[in-house]
Amino acid sequence: MTPLKGTNYYRLKQVDYNGTMTSFGIKSAYVTVDQIEVYPTMMQDLIRIEMPKTDRPMQWSISNCLGQRSLKGILAPGIENDAVNVQQLAPGTYFLSLQTQYGQEVFKLIKF
C-alpha cells in the first residue's frame, strides 16, 4: 500500500508466537512527493502537475502528435503542485514535456 502525500497516521499491533497481542501508540509520518505526477491523463479543462519541491523553475510544454507546440510555461520554484488550463486545445493526443534538473520527462495526454 502506498502512503498518500501529506500526513499519514499509523498504529502497530504485534501478535507474539504465544498469542499475546501488544498495541503501540499512534505515530504520524509526513510524506512528500518524490516523483512527478500528471493527472488526469484524459483531460478536459485542467491538468494537475505534482512534483518534489525544487529551488529551480521547471519549463513545460504541450505538443501535439506532429510535434507542434501548443502551450508552454514555467513552473515556479518551491511549489509542489500546479494546474495548467488546457481548455483551448482541440480534442486529440498531446505530450506534456517537463524539463527538470535531471533531464526531460514526457507524459502522454488525451483531450476529449
PDB file of N, CA and C in Angstrom:
ATOM      1  N   MET A   1       0.845  -1.170   0.000  1.00  0.00           N
ATOM      2  CA  MET A   1       0.000   0.000   0.000  1.00  0.00           C
ATOM      3  C   MET A   1       0.894   1.238   0.000  1.00  0.00           C
ATOM      4  N   THR A   2       0.608   2.169  -0.880  1.00  0.00           N
ATOM      5  CA  THR A   2       1.387   3.391  -0.994  1.00  0.00           C
ATOM      6  C   THR A   2       0.772   4.475  -0.118  1.00  0.00           C
ATOM      7  N   PRO A   3       1.557   5.148   0.714  1.00  0.00           N
ATOM      8  CA  PRO A   3       1.000   6.217   1.542  1.00  0.00           C
ATOM      9  C   PRO A   3       0.622   7.424   0.691  1.00  0.00           C
ATOM     10  N   LEU A   4      -0.354   8.178   1.157  1.00  0.00           N
ATOM     11  CA  LEU A   4      -0.768   9.394   0.477  1.00  0.00           C
ATOM     12  C   LEU A   4       0.188  10.527   0.806  1.00  0.00           C
ATOM     13  N   LYS A   5       0.239  11.524  -0.071  1.00  0.00           N
ATOM     14  CA  LYS A   5       1.058  12.703   0.181  1.00  0.00           C
ATOM     15  C   LYS A   5       0.464  13.460   1.364  1.00  0.00           C
ATOM     16  N   GLY A   6       1.305  13.962   2.232  1.00  0.00           N
ATOM     17  CA  GLY A   6       0.856  14.696   3.407  1.00  0.00           C
ATOM     18  C   GLY A   6       1.080  13.879   4.664  1.00  0.00           C
ATOM     19  N   THR A   7       0.291  14.167   5.700  1.00  0.00           N
ATOM     20  CA  THR A   7       0.445  13.476   6.977  1.00  0.00           C
ATOM     21  C   THR A   7      -0.368  12.189   6.983  1.00  0.00           C
ATOM     22  N   ASN A   8       0.282  11.090   7.314  1.00  0.00           N
ATOM     23  CA  ASN A   8      -0.352   9.779   7.432  1.00  0.00           C
ATOM     24  C   ASN A   8      -0.187   9.303   8.872  1.00  0.00           C
ATOM     25  N   TYR A   9      -1.196   8.583   9.386  1.00  0.00           N
ATOM     26  CA  TYR A   9      -1.162   8.095  10.761  1.00  0.00           C
ATOM     27  C   TYR A   9      -1.140   6.572  10.763  1.00  0.00           C
ATOM     28  N   TYR A  10      -0.332   6.007  11.665  1.00  0.00           N
ATOM     29  CA  TYR A  10      -0.159   4.561  11.738  1.00  0.00           C
ATOM     30  C   TYR A  10      -0.260   4.095  13.186  1.00  0.00           C
ATOM     31  N   ARG A  11      -0.747   2.862  13.356  1.00  0.00           N
ATOM     32  CA  ARG A  11      -0.733   2.207  14.657  1.00  0.00           C
ATOM     33  C   ARG A  11      -0.301   0.766  14.423  1.00  0.00           C
ATOM     34  N   LEU A  12       0.621   0.307  15.228  1.00  0.00           N
ATOM     35  CA  LEU A  12       1.150  -1.047  15.085  1.00  0.00           C
ATOM     36  C   LEU A  12       0.551  -1.950  16.156  1.00  0.00           C
ATOM     37  N   LYS A  13       0.056  -3.105  15.720  1.00  0.00           N
ATOM     38  CA  LYS A  13      -0.393  -4.150  16.642  1.00  0.00           C
ATOM     39  C   LYS A  13       0.480  -5.359  16.376  1.00  0.00           C
ATOM     40  N   GLN A  14       1.082  -5.872  17.439  1.00  0.00           N
ATOM     41  CA  GLN A  14       2.006  -7.004  17.324  1.00  0.00           C
ATOM     42  C   GLN A  14       1.400  -8.214  18.017  1.00  0.00           C
ATOM     43  N   VAL A  15       1.435  -9.352  17.322  1.00  0.00           N
ATOM     44  CA  VAL A  15       0.971 -10.610  17.911  1.00  0.00           C
ATOM     45  C   VAL A  15       2.183 -11.519  18.048  1.00  0.00           C
ATOM     46  N   ASP A  16       2.496 -11.894  19.291  1.00  0.00           N
ATOM     47  CA  ASP A  16       3.636 -12.771  19.560  1.00  0.00           C
ATOM     48  C   ASP A  16       3.277 -14.222  19.245  1.00  0.00           C
ATOM     49  N   TYR A  17       4.303 -15.075  19.222  1.00  0.00           N
ATOM     50  CA  TYR A  17       4.099 -16.502  18.951  1.00  0.00           C
ATOM     51  C   TYR A  17       3.177 -17.155  19.972  1.00  0.00           C
ATOM     52  N   ASN A  18       3.170 -16.630  21.199  1.00  0.00           N
ATOM     53  CA  ASN A  18       2.316 -17.223  22.236  1.00  0.00           C
ATOM     54  C   ASN A  18       0.891 -16.655  22.213  1.00  0.00           C
ATOM     55  N   GLY A  19       0.581 -15.800  21.223  1.00  0.00           N
ATOM     56  CA  GLY A  19      -0.763 -15.249  21.087  1.00  0.00           C
ATOM     57  C   GLY A  19      -0.979 -13.933  21.801  1.00  0.00           C
ATOM     58  N   THR A  20       0.015 -13.465  22.543  1.00  0.00           N
ATOM     59  CA  THR A  20      -0.104 -12.190  23.239  1.00  0.00           C
ATOM     60  C   THR A  20      -0.098 -11.048  22.223  1.00  0.00           C
ATOM     61  N   MET A  21      -1.068 -10.136  22.371  1.00  0.00           N
ATOM     62  CA  MET A  21      -1.154  -9.007  21.446  1.00  0.00           C
ATOM     63  C   MET A  21      -0.763  -7.720  22.168  1.00  0.00           C
ATOM     64  N   THR A  22       0.071  -6.930  21.521  1.00  0.00           N
ATOM     65  CA  THR A  22       0.504  -5.648  22.062  1.00  0.00           C
ATOM     66  C   THR A  22       0.167  -4.562  21.053  1.00  0.00           C
ATOM     67  N   SER A  23      -0.493  -3.486  21.524  1.00  0.00           N
ATOM     68  CA  SER A  23      -0.797  -2.338  20.665  1.00  0.00           C
ATOM     69  C   SER A  23       0.131  -1.194  21.029  1.00  0.00           C
ATOM     70  N   PHE A  24       0.639  -0.547  20.030  1.00  0.00           N
ATOM     71  CA  PHE A  24       1.515   0.604  20.232  1.00  0.00           C
ATOM     72  C   PHE A  24       0.747   1.868  19.876  1.00  0.00           C
ATOM     73  N   GLY A  25       1.220   3.003  20.344  1.00  0.00           N
ATOM     74  CA  GLY A  25       0.556   4.279  20.118  1.00  0.00           C
ATOM     75  C   GLY A  25       0.541   4.694  18.650  1.00  0.00           C
ATOM     76  N   ILE A  26      -0.296   5.667  18.363  1.00  0.00           N
ATOM     77  CA  ILE A  26      -0.417   6.196  17.004  1.00  0.00           C
ATOM     78  C   ILE A  26       0.794   7.067  16.698  1.00  0.00           C
ATOM     79  N   LYS A  27       1.359   6.866  15.533  1.00  0.00           N
ATOM     80  CA  LYS A  27       2.502   7.652  15.056  1.00  0.00           C
ATOM     81  C   LYS A  27       2.109   8.330  13.755  1.00  0.00           C
ATOM     82  N   SER A  28       2.689   9.492  13.499  1.00  0.00           N
ATOM     83  CA  SER A  28       2.423  10.180  12.235  1.00  0.00           C
ATOM     84  C   SER A  28       3.698  10.237  11.410  1.00  0.00           C
ATOM     85  N   ALA A  29       3.522  10.260  10.105  1.00  0.00           N
ATOM     86  CA  ALA A  29       4.646  10.375   9.174  1.00  0.00           C
ATOM     87  C   ALA A  29       4.217  11.313   8.057  1.00  0.00           C
ATOM     88  N   TYR A  30       5.064  12.292   7.739  1.00  0.00           N
ATOM     89  CA  TYR A  30       4.766  13.224   6.652  1.00  0.00           C
ATOM     90  C   TYR A  30       5.450  12.724   5.389  1.00  0.00           C
ATOM     91  N   VAL A  31       4.669  12.541   4.330  1.00  0.00           N
ATOM     92  CA  VAL A  31       5.183  12.015   3.065  1.00  0.00           C
ATOM     93  C   VAL A  31       5.161  13.124   2.024  1.00  0.00           C
ATOM     94  N   THR A  32       6.303  13.333   1.380  1.00  0.00           N
ATOM     95  CA  THR A  32       6.382  14.331   0.314  1.00  0.00           C
ATOM     96  C   THR A  32       6.338  13.627  -1.038  1.00  0.00           C
ATOM     97  N   VAL A  33       6.144  14.406  -2.083  1.00  0.00           N
ATOM     98  CA  VAL A  33       6.150  13.868  -3.444  1.00  0.00           C
ATOM     99  C   VAL A  33       7.595  13.611  -3.835  1.00  0.00           C
ATOM    100  N   ASP A  34       7.894  12.397  -4.321  1.00  0.00           N
ATOM    101  CA  ASP A  34       9.269  12.099  -4.712  1.00  0.00           C
ATOM    102  C   ASP A  34       9.412  11.890  -6.212  1.00  0.00           C
ATOM    103  N   GLN A  35       8.324  12.009  -6.933  1.00  0.00           N
ATOM    104  CA  GLN A  35       8.385  11.896  -8.385  1.00  0.00           C
ATOM    105  C   GLN A  35       7.319  12.802  -8.985  1.00  0.00           C
ATOM    106  N   ILE A  36       7.408  13.044 -10.264  1.00  0.00           N
ATOM    107  CA  ILE A  36       6.449  13.909 -10.938  1.00  0.00           C
ATOM    108  C   ILE A  36       5.219  13.092 -11.312  1.00  0.00           C
ATOM    109  N   GLU A  37       4.050  13.645 -11.009  1.00  0.00           N
ATOM    110  CA  GLU A  37       2.785  13.014 -11.370  1.00  0.00           C
ATOM    111  C   GLU A  37       1.950  14.020 -12.146  1.00  0.00           C
ATOM    112  N   VAL A  38       1.316  13.564 -13.224  1.00  0.00           N
ATOM    113  CA  VAL A  38       0.445  14.407 -14.037  1.00  0.00           C
ATOM    114  C   VAL A  38      -0.903  13.701 -14.131  1.00  0.00           C
ATOM    115  N   TYR A  39      -1.982  14.429 -13.839  1.00  0.00           N
ATOM    116  CA  TYR A  39      -3.317  13.836 -13.908  1.00  0.00           C
ATOM    117  C   TYR A  39      -4.351  14.915 -14.151  1.00  0.00           C
ATOM    118  N   PRO A  40      -5.502  14.620 -14.677  1.00  0.00           N
ATOM    119  CA  PRO A  40      -5.852  13.359 -15.310  1.00  0.00           C
ATOM    120  C   PRO A  40      -5.214  13.267 -16.692  1.00  0.00           C
ATOM    121  N   THR A  41      -4.915  12.083 -17.137  1.00  0.00           N
ATOM    122  CA  THR A  41      -4.333  11.923 -18.472  1.00  0.00           C
ATOM    123  C   THR A  41      -5.410  11.999 -19.549  1.00  0.00           C
ATOM    124  N   MET A  42      -6.652  11.761 -19.180  1.00  0.00           N
ATOM    125  CA  MET A  42      -7.797  12.002 -20.068  1.00  0.00           C
ATOM    126  C   MET A  42      -8.345  13.360 -19.658  1.00  0.00           C
ATOM    127  N   MET A  43      -7.870  14.412 -20.314  1.00  0.00           N
ATOM    128  CA  MET A  43      -8.121  15.771 -19.833  1.00  0.00           C
ATOM    129  C   MET A  43      -9.276  16.435 -20.568  1.00  0.00           C
ATOM    130  N   GLN A  44      -9.837  17.446 -19.883  1.00  0.00           N
ATOM    131  CA  GLN A  44     -10.907  18.233 -20.476  1.00  0.00           C
ATOM    132  C   GLN A  44     -10.598  19.719 -20.314  1.00  0.00           C
ATOM    133  N   ASP A  45     -10.471  20.206 -19.084  1.00  0.00           N
ATOM    134  CA  ASP A  45     -10.233  21.628 -18.838  1.00  0.00           C
ATOM    135  C   ASP A  45      -8.872  21.914 -18.209  1.00  0.00           C
ATOM    136  N   LEU A  46      -8.495  21.103 -17.216  1.00  0.00           N
ATOM    137  CA  LEU A  46      -7.265  21.334 -16.456  1.00  0.00           C
ATOM    138  C   LEU A  46      -6.481  20.043 -16.307  1.00  0.00           C
ATOM    139  N   ILE A  47      -5.165  20.184 -16.218  1.00  0.00           N
ATOM    140  CA  ILE A  47      -4.332  19.076 -15.760  1.00  0.00           C
ATOM    141  C   ILE A  47      -3.587  19.564 -14.529  1.00  0.00           C
ATOM    142  N   ARG A  48      -3.301  18.652 -13.636  1.00  0.00           N
ATOM    143  CA  ARG A  48      -2.545  18.982 -12.428  1.00  0.00           C
ATOM    144  C   ARG A  48      -1.190  18.319 -12.524  1.00  0.00           C
ATOM    145  N   ILE A  49      -0.180  19.052 -12.060  1.00  0.00           N
ATOM    146  CA  ILE A  49       1.186  18.550 -12.036  1.00  0.00           C
ATOM    147  C   ILE A  49       1.653  18.575 -10.591  1.00  0.00           C
ATOM    148  N   GLU A  50       2.040  17.422 -10.062  1.00  0.00           N
ATOM    149  CA  GLU A  50       2.616  17.332  -8.717  1.00  0.00           C
ATOM    150  C   GLU A  50       4.066  16.922  -8.861  1.00  0.00           C
ATOM    151  N   MET A  51       4.937  17.586  -8.108  1.00  0.00           N
ATOM    152  CA  MET A  51       6.365  17.303  -8.206  1.00  0.00           C
ATOM    153  C   MET A  51       7.043  17.625  -6.888  1.00  0.00           C
ATOM    154  N   PRO A  52       8.254  17.102  -6.690  1.00  0.00           N
ATOM    155  CA  PRO A  52       9.016  17.477  -5.497  1.00  0.00           C
ATOM    156  C   PRO A  52       9.359  18.963  -5.549  1.00  0.00           C
ATOM    157  N   LYS A  53       9.471  19.579  -4.373  1.00  0.00           N
ATOM    158  CA  LYS A  53       9.897  20.983  -4.333  1.00  0.00           C
ATOM    159  C   LYS A  53      11.306  21.105  -4.890  1.00  0.00           C
ATOM    160  N   THR A  54      11.518  22.119  -5.705  1.00  0.00           N
ATOM    161  CA  THR A  54      12.849  22.382  -6.243  1.00  0.00           C
ATOM    162  C   THR A  54      13.180  23.849  -6.025  1.00  0.00           C
ATOM    163  N   ASP A  55      14.452  24.170  -6.117  1.00  0.00           N
ATOM    164  CA  ASP A  55      14.854  25.569  -5.993  1.00  0.00           C
ATOM    165  C   ASP A  55      15.053  26.206  -7.365  1.00  0.00           C
ATOM    166  N   ARG A  56      14.671  25.489  -8.412  1.00  0.00           N
ATOM    167  CA  ARG A  56      14.799  25.997  -9.779  1.00  0.00           C
ATOM    168  C   ARG A  56      13.445  25.936 -10.479  1.00  0.00           C
ATOM    169  N   PRO A  57      13.195  26.879 -11.390  1.00  0.00           N
ATOM    170  CA  PRO A  57      11.958  26.787 -12.172  1.00  0.00           C
ATOM    171  C   PRO A  57      12.032  25.616 -13.150  1.00  0.00           C
ATOM    172  N   MET A  58      10.870  25.052 -13.494  1.00  0.00           N
ATOM    173  CA  MET A  58      10.809  23.964 -14.473  1.00  0.00           C
ATOM    174  C   MET A  58       9.998  24.432 -15.675  1.00  0.00           C
ATOM    175  N   GLN A  59      10.562  24.279 -16.860  1.00  0.00           N
ATOM    176  CA  GLN A  59       9.855  24.627 -18.085  1.00  0.00           C
ATOM    177  C   GLN A  59       8.988  23.449 -18.514  1.00  0.00           C
ATOM    178  N   TRP A  60       7.811  23.757 -19.046  1.00  0.00           N
ATOM    179  CA  TRP A  60       6.937  22.720 -19.564  1.00  0.00           C
ATOM    180  C   TRP A  60       6.402  23.159 -20.910  1.00  0.00           C
ATOM    181  N   SER A  61       6.037  22.178 -21.720  1.00  0.00           N
ATOM    182  CA  SER A  61       5.379  22.466 -22.998  1.00  0.00           C
ATOM    183  C   SER A  61       4.455  21.310 -23.341  1.00  0.00           C
ATOM    184  N   ILE A  62       3.383  21.635 -24.056  1.00  0.00           N
ATOM    185  CA  ILE A  62       2.446  20.627 -24.542  1.00  0.00           C
ATOM    186  C   ILE A  62       2.483  20.678 -26.058  1.00  0.00           C
ATOM    187  N   SER A  63       2.755  19.520 -26.662  1.00  0.00           N
ATOM    188  CA  SER A  63       2.855  19.416 -28.121  1.00  0.00           C
ATOM    189  C   SER A  63       1.866  18.376 -28.627  1.00  0.00           C
ATOM    190  N   ASN A  64       1.445  18.545 -29.893  1.00  0.00           N
ATOM    191  CA  ASN A  64       0.556  17.552 -30.493  1.00  0.00           C
ATOM    192  C   ASN A  64       1.375  16.403 -31.070  1.00  0.00           C
ATOM    193  N   CYS A  65       0.710  15.465 -31.727  1.00  0.00           N
ATOM    194  CA  CYS A  65       1.404  14.285 -32.277  1.00  0.00           C
ATOM    195  C   CYS A  65       2.387  14.636 -33.386  1.00  0.00           C
ATOM    196  N   LEU A  66       2.227  15.806 -34.007  1.00  0.00           N
ATOM    197  CA  LEU A  66       3.145  16.237 -35.061  1.00  0.00           C
ATOM    198  C   LEU A  66       4.353  16.975 -34.497  1.00  0.00           C
ATOM    199  N   GLY A  67       4.388  17.136 -33.174  1.00  0.00           N
ATOM    200  CA  GLY A  67       5.496  17.841 -32.544  1.00  0.00           C
ATOM    201  C   GLY A  67       5.313  19.345 -32.494  1.00  0.00           C
ATOM    202  N   GLN A  68       4.150  19.831 -32.906  1.00  0.00           N
ATOM    203  CA  GLN A  68       3.874  21.270 -32.875  1.00  0.00           C
ATOM    204  C   GLN A  68       3.505  21.680 -31.451  1.00  0.00           C
ATOM    205  N   ARG A  69       4.229  22.669 -30.934  1.00  0.00           N
ATOM    206  CA  ARG A  69       3.993  23.121 -29.563  1.00  0.00           C
ATOM    207  C   ARG A  69       2.700  23.922 -29.502  1.00  0.00           C
ATOM    208  N   SER A  70       1.802  23.522 -28.608  1.00  0.00           N
ATOM    209  CA  SER A  70       0.515  24.190 -28.453  1.00  0.00           C
ATOM    210  C   SER A  70       0.505  25.143 -27.265  1.00  0.00           C
ATOM    211  N   LEU A  71       1.149  24.756 -26.178  1.00  0.00           N
ATOM    212  CA  LEU A  71       1.214  25.567 -24.960  1.00  0.00           C
ATOM    213  C   LEU A  71       2.596  25.423 -24.354  1.00  0.00           C
ATOM    214  N   LYS A  72       3.009  26.440 -23.597  1.00  0.00           N
ATOM    215  CA  LYS A  72       4.260  26.335 -22.852  1.00  0.00           C
ATOM    216  C   LYS A  72       4.178  27.239 -21.639  1.00  0.00           C
ATOM    217  N   GLY A  73       5.032  26.972 -20.663  1.00  0.00           N
ATOM    218  CA  GLY A  73       5.044  27.779 -19.461  1.00  0.00           C
ATOM    219  C   GLY A  73       6.180  27.383 -18.550  1.00  0.00           C
ATOM    220  N   ILE A  74       6.193  27.997 -17.375  1.00  0.00           N
ATOM    221  CA  ILE A  74       7.233  27.742 -16.379  1.00  0.00           C
ATOM    222  C   ILE A  74       6.556  27.492 -15.038  1.00  0.00           C
ATOM    223  N   LEU A  75       6.988  26.432 -14.361  1.00  0.00           N
ATOM    224  CA  LEU A  75       6.530  26.149 -13.003  1.00  0.00           C
ATOM    225  C   LEU A  75       7.501  26.812 -12.038  1.00  0.00           C
ATOM    226  N   ALA A  76       6.976  27.613 -11.143  1.00  0.00           N
ATOM    227  CA  ALA A  76       7.813  28.370 -10.214  1.00  0.00           C
ATOM    228  C   ALA A  76       8.539  27.444  -9.241  1.00  0.00           C
ATOM    229  N   PRO A  77       9.736  27.826  -8.800  1.00  0.00           N
ATOM    230  CA  PRO A  77      10.449  27.015  -7.808  1.00  0.00           C
ATOM    231  C   PRO A  77       9.730  27.056  -6.460  1.00  0.00           C
ATOM    232  N   GLY A  78       9.902  25.991  -5.675  1.00  0.00           N
ATOM    233  CA  GLY A  78       9.366  25.960  -4.321  1.00  0.00           C
ATOM    234  C   GLY A  78       7.929  25.505  -4.198  1.00  0.00           C
ATOM    235  N   ILE A  79       7.278  25.127  -5.297  1.00  0.00           N
ATOM    236  CA  ILE A  79       5.898  24.650  -5.192  1.00  0.00           C
ATOM    237  C   ILE A  79       5.856  23.142  -5.418  1.00  0.00           C
ATOM    238  N   GLU A  80       4.819  22.506  -4.903  1.00  0.00           N
ATOM    239  CA  GLU A  80       4.666  21.059  -5.063  1.00  0.00           C
ATOM    240  C   GLU A  80       3.599  20.686  -6.075  1.00  0.00           C
ATOM    241  N   ASN A  81       2.700  21.618  -6.419  1.00  0.00           N
ATOM    242  CA  ASN A  81       1.687  21.299  -7.424  1.00  0.00           C
ATOM    243  C   ASN A  81       1.215  22.557  -8.122  1.00  0.00           C
ATOM    244  N   ASP A  82       0.713  22.363  -9.331  1.00  0.00           N
ATOM    245  CA  ASP A  82       0.213  23.470 -10.138  1.00  0.00           C
ATOM    246  C   ASP A  82      -0.832  22.921 -11.092  1.00  0.00           C
ATOM    247  N   ALA A  83      -1.649  23.808 -11.633  1.00  0.00           N
ATOM    248  CA  ALA A  83      -2.669  23.422 -12.605  1.00  0.00           C
ATOM    249  C   ALA A  83      -2.399  24.150 -13.913  1.00  0.00           C
ATOM    250  N   VAL A  84      -2.650  23.464 -15.017  1.00  0.00           N
ATOM    251  CA  VAL A  84      -2.481  24.048 -16.347  1.00  0.00           C
ATOM    252  C   VAL A  84      -3.831  23.987 -17.049  1.00  0.00           C
ATOM    253  N   ASN A  85      -4.288  25.130 -17.552  1.00  0.00           N
ATOM    254  CA  ASN A  85      -5.553  25.213 -18.268  1.00  0.00           C
ATOM    255  C   ASN A  85      -5.346  24.720 -19.696  1.00  0.00           C
ATOM    256  N   VAL A  86      -6.090  23.692 -20.097  1.00  0.00           N
ATOM    257  CA  VAL A  86      -5.962  23.118 -21.441  1.00  0.00           C
ATOM    258  C   VAL A  86      -7.268  23.236 -22.224  1.00  0.00           C
ATOM    259  N   GLN A  87      -8.157  24.122 -21.791  1.00  0.00           N
ATOM    260  CA  GLN A  87      -9.457  24.286 -22.445  1.00  0.00           C
ATOM    261  C   GLN A  87      -9.324  24.620 -23.924  1.00  0.00           C
ATOM    262  N   GLN A  88      -8.330  25.431 -24.285  1.00  0.00           N
ATOM    263  CA  GLN A  88      -8.212  25.907 -25.659  1.00  0.00           C
ATOM    264  C   GLN A  88      -7.686  24.855 -26.627  1.00  0.00           C
ATOM    265  N   LEU A  89      -7.222  23.708 -26.125  1.00  0.00           N
ATOM    266  CA  LEU A  89      -6.716  22.656 -27.008  1.00  0.00           C
ATOM    267  C   LEU A  89      -7.871  21.919 -27.683  1.00  0.00           C
ATOM    268  N   ALA A  90      -7.680  21.572 -28.955  1.00  0.00           N
ATOM    269  CA  ALA A  90      -8.663  20.766 -29.680  1.00  0.00           C
ATOM    270  C   ALA A  90      -8.576  19.319 -29.189  1.00  0.00           C
ATOM    271  N   PRO A  91      -9.642  18.549 -29.320  1.00  0.00           N
ATOM    272  CA  PRO A  91      -9.565  17.135 -28.941  1.00  0.00           C
ATOM    273  C   PRO A  91      -8.456  16.423 -29.713  1.00  0.00           C
ATOM    274  N   GLY A  92      -7.741  15.541 -29.026  1.00  0.00           N
ATOM    275  CA  GLY A  92      -6.658  14.799 -29.663  1.00  0.00           C
ATOM    276  C   GLY A  92      -5.643  14.320 -28.648  1.00  0.00           C
ATOM    277  N   THR A  93      -4.528  13.797 -29.143  1.00  0.00           N
ATOM    278  CA  THR A  93      -3.445  13.278 -28.310  1.00  0.00           C
ATOM    279  C   THR A  93      -2.338  14.317 -28.222  1.00  0.00           C
ATOM    280  N   TYR A  94      -1.824  14.520 -27.005  1.00  0.00           N
ATOM    281  CA  TYR A  94      -0.783  15.516 -26.757  1.00  0.00           C
ATOM    282  C   TYR A  94       0.301  14.907 -25.875  1.00  0.00           C
ATOM    283  N   PHE A  95       1.415  15.590 -25.820  1.00  0.00           N
ATOM    284  CA  PHE A  95       2.527  15.178 -24.969  1.00  0.00           C
ATOM    285  C   PHE A  95       2.971  16.369 -24.136  1.00  0.00           C
ATOM    286  N   LEU A  96       2.987  16.187 -22.816  1.00  0.00           N
ATOM    287  CA  LEU A  96       3.484  17.206 -21.890  1.00  0.00           C
ATOM    288  C   LEU A  96       4.943  16.894 -21.615  1.00  0.00           C
ATOM    289  N   SER A  97       5.819  17.842 -21.906  1.00  0.00           N
ATOM    290  CA  SER A  97       7.255  17.696 -21.633  1.00  0.00           C
ATOM    291  C   SER A  97       7.626  18.605 -20.480  1.00  0.00           C
ATOM    292  N   LEU A  98       8.286  18.053 -19.475  1.00  0.00           N
ATOM    293  CA  LEU A  98       8.780  18.820 -18.334  1.00  0.00           C
ATOM    294  C   LEU A  98      10.295  18.747 -18.330  1.00  0.00           C
ATOM    295  N   GLN A  99      10.933  19.897 -18.315  1.00  0.00           N
ATOM    296  CA  GLN A  99      12.393  19.944 -18.273  1.00  0.00           C
ATOM    297  C   GLN A  99      12.807  20.119 -16.815  1.00  0.00           C
ATOM    298  N   THR A 100      13.350  19.052 -16.218  1.00  0.00           N
ATOM    299  CA  THR A 100      13.776  19.100 -14.823  1.00  0.00           C
ATOM    300  C   THR A 100      15.288  19.258 -14.757  1.00  0.00           C
ATOM    301  N   GLN A 101      15.806  19.386 -13.551  1.00  0.00           N
ATOM    302  CA  GLN A 101      17.261  19.494 -13.394  1.00  0.00           C
ATOM    303  C   GLN A 101      17.955  18.185 -13.729  1.00  0.00           C
ATOM    304  N   TYR A 102      17.187  17.087 -13.825  1.00  0.00           N
ATOM    305  CA  TYR A 102      17.760  15.776 -14.129  1.00  0.00           C
ATOM    306  C   TYR A 102      17.545  15.352 -15.578  1.00  0.00           C
ATOM    307  N   GLY A 103      16.796  16.115 -16.331  1.00  0.00           N
ATOM    308  CA  GLY A 103      16.521  15.767 -17.721  1.00  0.00           C
ATOM    309  C   GLY A 103      15.080  16.080 -18.071  1.00  0.00           C
ATOM    310  N   GLN A 104      14.601  15.450 -19.109  1.00  0.00           N
ATOM    311  CA  GLN A 104      13.253  15.706 -19.596  1.00  0.00           C
ATOM    312  C   GLN A 104      12.341  14.522 -19.284  1.00  0.00           C
ATOM    313  N   GLU A 105      11.129  14.829 -18.822  1.00  0.00           N
ATOM    314  CA  GLU A 105      10.117  13.800 -18.605  1.00  0.00           C
ATOM    315  C   GLU A 105       8.941  14.118 -19.511  1.00  0.00           C
ATOM    316  N   VAL A 106       8.377  13.088 -20.141  1.00  0.00           N
ATOM    317  CA  VAL A 106       7.280  13.271 -21.091  1.00  0.00           C
ATOM    318  C   VAL A 106       6.088  12.427 -20.642  1.00  0.00           C
ATOM    319  N   PHE A 107       4.895  13.032 -20.697  1.00  0.00           N
ATOM    320  CA  PHE A 107       3.655  12.369 -20.310  1.00  0.00           C
ATOM    321  C   PHE A 107       2.662  12.471 -21.455  1.00  0.00           C
ATOM    322  N   LYS A 108       2.009  11.360 -21.771  1.00  0.00           N
ATOM    323  CA  LYS A 108       1.000  11.339 -22.832  1.00  0.00           C
ATOM    324  C   LYS A 108      -0.343  11.761 -22.250  1.00  0.00           C
ATOM    325  N   LEU A 109      -1.039  12.662 -22.948  1.00  0.00           N
ATOM    326  CA  LEU A 109      -2.334  13.170 -22.519  1.00  0.00           C
ATOM    327  C   LEU A 109      -3.331  13.051 -23.665  1.00  0.00           C
ATOM    328  N   ILE A 110      -4.585  12.830 -23.345  1.00  0.00           N
ATOM    329  CA  ILE A 110      -5.632  12.780 -24.361  1.00  0.00           C
ATOM    330  C   ILE A 110      -6.701  13.796 -23.993  1.00  0.00           C
ATOM    331  N   LYS A 111      -6.982  14.706 -24.923  1.00  0.00           N
ATOM    332  CA  LYS A 111      -8.018  15.733 -24.726  1.00  0.00           C
ATOM    333  C   LYS A 111      -9.291  15.240 -25.390  1.00  0.00           C
ATOM    334  N   PHE A 112     -10.418  15.308 -24.667  1.00  0.00           N
ATOM    335  CA  PHE A 112     -11.693  14.890 -25.266  1.00  0.00           C
ATOM    336  C   PHE A 112     -12.696  16.006 -25.215  1.00  0.00           C
TER     337      PHE A 112
END
